[in-house]
Every structure is written in structure tokens, then in C-alpha cells.
Amino acid sequence: MARKSVQARQVKREKLVAKFAERRAQLKAEGDYEGLDKLPKNASPVRLKNRCGITGRGKGYIRFFGISRVKFRELASDGKIPGIKKSSW
């Protein structure tokens, strides 16, 4: 499980990106790079990281499910993800 501060920082970045998205698009369209520099650094979508929705883990993220590989395996083994089952051949 990721530290609470790391998860909180990620949430803060997501809010900033959403808040400044329209302004960023406008400045980019105008080519005003000085204006873009004046926006907060965390308002850039590049600074977002995909994290597990349950644990906050940053590595081993499965985009389709929005969770890490560890949680995916646990939930799939318990049968809590519809349509997913363990197979062997």
C-alpha cells in the first residue's frame, strides 16, 4: 500500500489538471508559452501517474481494470471480477 501522502498528492494533481485543462488548451492554441510557464507545474497532465484505485500502488498497473497486478490477482482468484477466471492448460 502506498503512503497516504503519495495518494493525497496524486489526488491534488488530478484536481489541478482538471481545473487548468481548459486554460492550458487555450494557451497552447494561442502559442503563448510564457503564459503556460506561469501555470502551476502540477497542472500539467504529464505529471499524473497511473495508480491502483485500491492500494495506490504505482507499479504493475493494469489500465483496463484500473488496479495493480497484485490486487487484480487477488480479486480474480476470489471471483470478484466478472468474466475473469484462472486458467491452466
C-alpha atoms as a PDB file:
ATOM      1  CA  MET A   1       0.000   0.000   0.000  1.00  0.00           C
ATOM      2  CA  ALA A   2       1.335   3.402  -0.985  1.00  0.00           C
ATOM      3  CA  ARG A   3       1.779   6.063   1.678  1.00  0.00           C
ATOM      4  CA  LYS A   4      -1.249   8.247   2.277  1.00  0.00           C
ATOM      5  CA  SER A   5       0.764  11.349   1.400  1.00  0.00           C
ATOM      6  CA  VAL A   6       1.598   9.935  -2.048  1.00  0.00           C
ATOM      7  CA  GLN A   7      -2.053   9.161  -2.701  1.00  0.00           C
ATOM      8  CA  ALA A   8      -3.116  12.613  -1.480  1.00  0.00           C
ATOM      9  CA  ARG A   9      -0.533  14.277  -3.736  1.00  0.00           C
ATOM     10  CA  GLN A  10      -1.914  12.349  -6.708  1.00  0.00           C
ATOM     11  CA  VAL A  11      -5.480  13.470  -5.929  1.00  0.00           C
ATOM     12  CA  LYS A  12      -4.290  17.076  -5.631  1.00  0.00           C
ATOM     13  CA  ARG A  13      -2.588  16.846  -9.036  1.00  0.00           C
ATOM     14  CA  GLU A  14      -5.718  15.373 -10.627  1.00  0.00           C
ATOM     15  CA  LYS A  15      -7.782  18.305  -9.342  1.00  0.00           C
ATOM     16  CA  LEU A  16      -5.245  20.847 -10.637  1.00  0.00           C
ATOM     17  CA  VAL A  17      -5.113  19.196 -14.065  1.00  0.00           C
ATOM     18  CA  ALA A  18      -8.911  19.296 -14.305  1.00  0.00           C
ATOM     19  CA  LYS A  19      -9.035  22.918 -13.109  1.00  0.00           C
ATOM     20  CA  PHE A  20      -6.475  24.236 -15.617  1.00  0.00           C
ATOM     21  CA  ALA A  21      -7.263  21.927 -18.582  1.00  0.00           C
ATOM     22  CA  GLU A  22      -9.317  24.499 -20.487  1.00  0.00           C
ATOM     23  CA  ARG A  23      -6.828  27.306 -19.801  1.00  0.00           C
ATOM     24  CA  ARG A  24      -3.895  25.111 -20.890  1.00  0.00           C
ATOM     25  CA  ALA A  25      -5.630  24.216 -24.149  1.00  0.00           C
ATOM     26  CA  GLN A  26      -6.360  27.871 -24.850  1.00  0.00           C
ATOM     27  CA  LEU A  27      -2.769  28.969 -24.167  1.00  0.00           C
ATOM     28  CA  LYS A  28      -1.380  26.140 -26.293  1.00  0.00           C
ATOM     29  CA  ALA A  29      -3.664  27.050 -29.192  1.00  0.00           C
ATOM     30  CA  GLU A  30      -2.517  30.670 -28.998  1.00  0.00           C
ATOM     31  CA  GLY A  31       1.123  29.602 -28.721  1.00  0.00           C
ATOM     32  CA  ASP A  32       1.566  31.586 -25.501  1.00  0.00           C
ATOM     33  CA  TYR A  33       4.364  29.592 -23.889  1.00  0.00           C
ATOM     34  CA  GLU A  34       5.130  32.296 -21.340  1.00  0.00           C
ATOM     35  CA  GLY A  35       1.570  32.004 -20.089  1.00  0.00           C
ATOM     36  CA  LEU A  36       1.946  28.232 -19.888  1.00  0.00           C
ATOM     37  CA  ASP A  37       5.089  28.691 -17.779  1.00  0.00           C
ATOM     38  CA  LYS A  38       3.110  30.735 -15.276  1.00  0.00           C
ATOM     39  CA  LEU A  39       0.637  27.907 -14.621  1.00  0.00           C
ATOM     40  CA  PRO A  40       1.389  25.580 -11.692  1.00  0.00           C
ATOM     41  CA  LYS A  41       3.728  22.701 -12.551  1.00  0.00           C
ATOM     42  CA  ASN A  42       1.277  20.150 -11.196  1.00  0.00           C
ATOM     43  CA  ALA A  43      -1.381  21.412 -13.629  1.00  0.00           C
ATOM     44  CA  SER A  44       0.388  19.519 -16.401  1.00  0.00           C
ATOM     45  CA  PRO A  45      -1.196  16.138 -17.235  1.00  0.00           C
ATOM     46  CA  VAL A  46       2.275  14.676 -17.788  1.00  0.00           C
ATOM     47  CA  ARG A  47       2.857  14.766 -14.036  1.00  0.00           C
ATOM     48  CA  LEU A  48      -0.017  12.358 -13.344  1.00  0.00           C
ATOM     49  CA  LYS A  49       0.839   8.737 -12.646  1.00  0.00           C
ATOM     50  CA  ASN A  50      -1.421   5.763 -13.076  1.00  0.00           C
ATOM     51  CA  ARG A  51      -2.012   4.313  -9.624  1.00  0.00           C
ATOM     52  CA  CYS A  52      -4.065   1.406  -8.306  1.00  0.00           C
ATOM     53  CA  GLY A  53      -7.506   2.583  -7.255  1.00  0.00           C
ATOM     54  CA  ILE A  54      -7.462   0.354  -4.171  1.00  0.00           C
ATOM     55  CA  THR A  55      -3.910   0.398  -2.817  1.00  0.00           C
ATOM     56  CA  GLY A  56      -2.302   3.351  -4.588  1.00  0.00           C
ATOM     57  CA  ARG A  57       0.494   1.162  -5.942  1.00  0.00           C
ATOM     58  CA  GLY A  58       2.277   2.862  -8.844  1.00  0.00           C
ATOM     59  CA  LYS A  59       3.931  -0.132 -10.490  1.00  0.00           C
ATOM     60  CA  GLY A  60       2.223  -3.045 -12.206  1.00  0.00           C
ATOM     61  CA  TYR A  61      -0.863  -1.010 -13.106  1.00  0.00           C
ATOM     62  CA  ILE A  62      -3.414  -2.695 -15.389  1.00  0.00           C
ATOM     63  CA  ARG A  63      -5.095   0.149 -17.252  1.00  0.00           C
ATOM     64  CA  PHE A  64      -8.202  -1.763 -18.351  1.00  0.00           C
ATOM     65  CA  PHE A  65      -9.155  -2.569 -14.752  1.00  0.00           C
ATOM     66  CA  GLY A  66      -7.624   0.456 -13.016  1.00  0.00           C
ATOM     67  CA  ILE A  67      -5.876  -1.674 -10.390  1.00  0.00           C
ATOM     68  CA  SER A  68      -2.425  -3.138  -9.817  1.00  0.00           C
ATOM     69  CA  ARG A  69      -1.456  -6.655 -10.846  1.00  0.00           C
ATOM     70  CA  VAL A  70      -1.333  -7.751  -7.190  1.00  0.00           C
ATOM     71  CA  LYS A  71      -4.906  -6.680  -6.422  1.00  0.00           C
ATOM     72  CA  PHE A  72      -6.053  -7.970  -9.799  1.00  0.00           C
ATOM     73  CA  ARG A  73      -4.734 -11.439  -8.969  1.00  0.00           C
ATOM     74  CA  GLU A  74      -6.355 -11.412  -5.514  1.00  0.00           C
ATOM     75  CA  LEU A  75      -9.736 -10.272  -6.803  1.00  0.00           C
ATOM     76  CA  ALA A  76      -9.672 -12.618  -9.782  1.00  0.00           C
ATOM     77  CA  SER A  77      -8.818 -15.598  -7.572  1.00  0.00           C
ATOM     78  CA  ASP A  78     -11.712 -14.731  -5.259  1.00  0.00           C
ATOM     79  CA  GLY A  79     -14.037 -14.481  -8.287  1.00  0.00           C
ATOM     80  CA  LYS A  80     -14.821 -10.814  -7.655  1.00  0.00           C
ATOM     81  CA  ILE A  81     -14.031  -9.657 -11.205  1.00  0.00           C
ATOM     82  CA  PRO A  82     -16.827 -10.745 -13.569  1.00  0.00           C
ATOM     83  CA  GLY A  83     -15.703 -12.741 -16.592  1.00  0.00           C
ATOM     84  CA  ILE A  84     -12.208 -13.426 -15.256  1.00  0.00           C
ATOM     85  CA  LYS A  85     -11.143 -16.846 -14.040  1.00  0.00           C
ATOM     86  CA  LYS A  86      -7.868 -18.608 -13.507  1.00  0.00           C
ATOM     87  CA  SER A  87      -6.964 -20.932 -16.342  1.00  0.00           C
ATOM     88  CA  SER A  88      -4.343 -23.617 -16.811  1.00  0.00           C
ATOM     89  CA  TRP A  89      -3.524 -25.935 -19.686  1.00  0.00           C
END
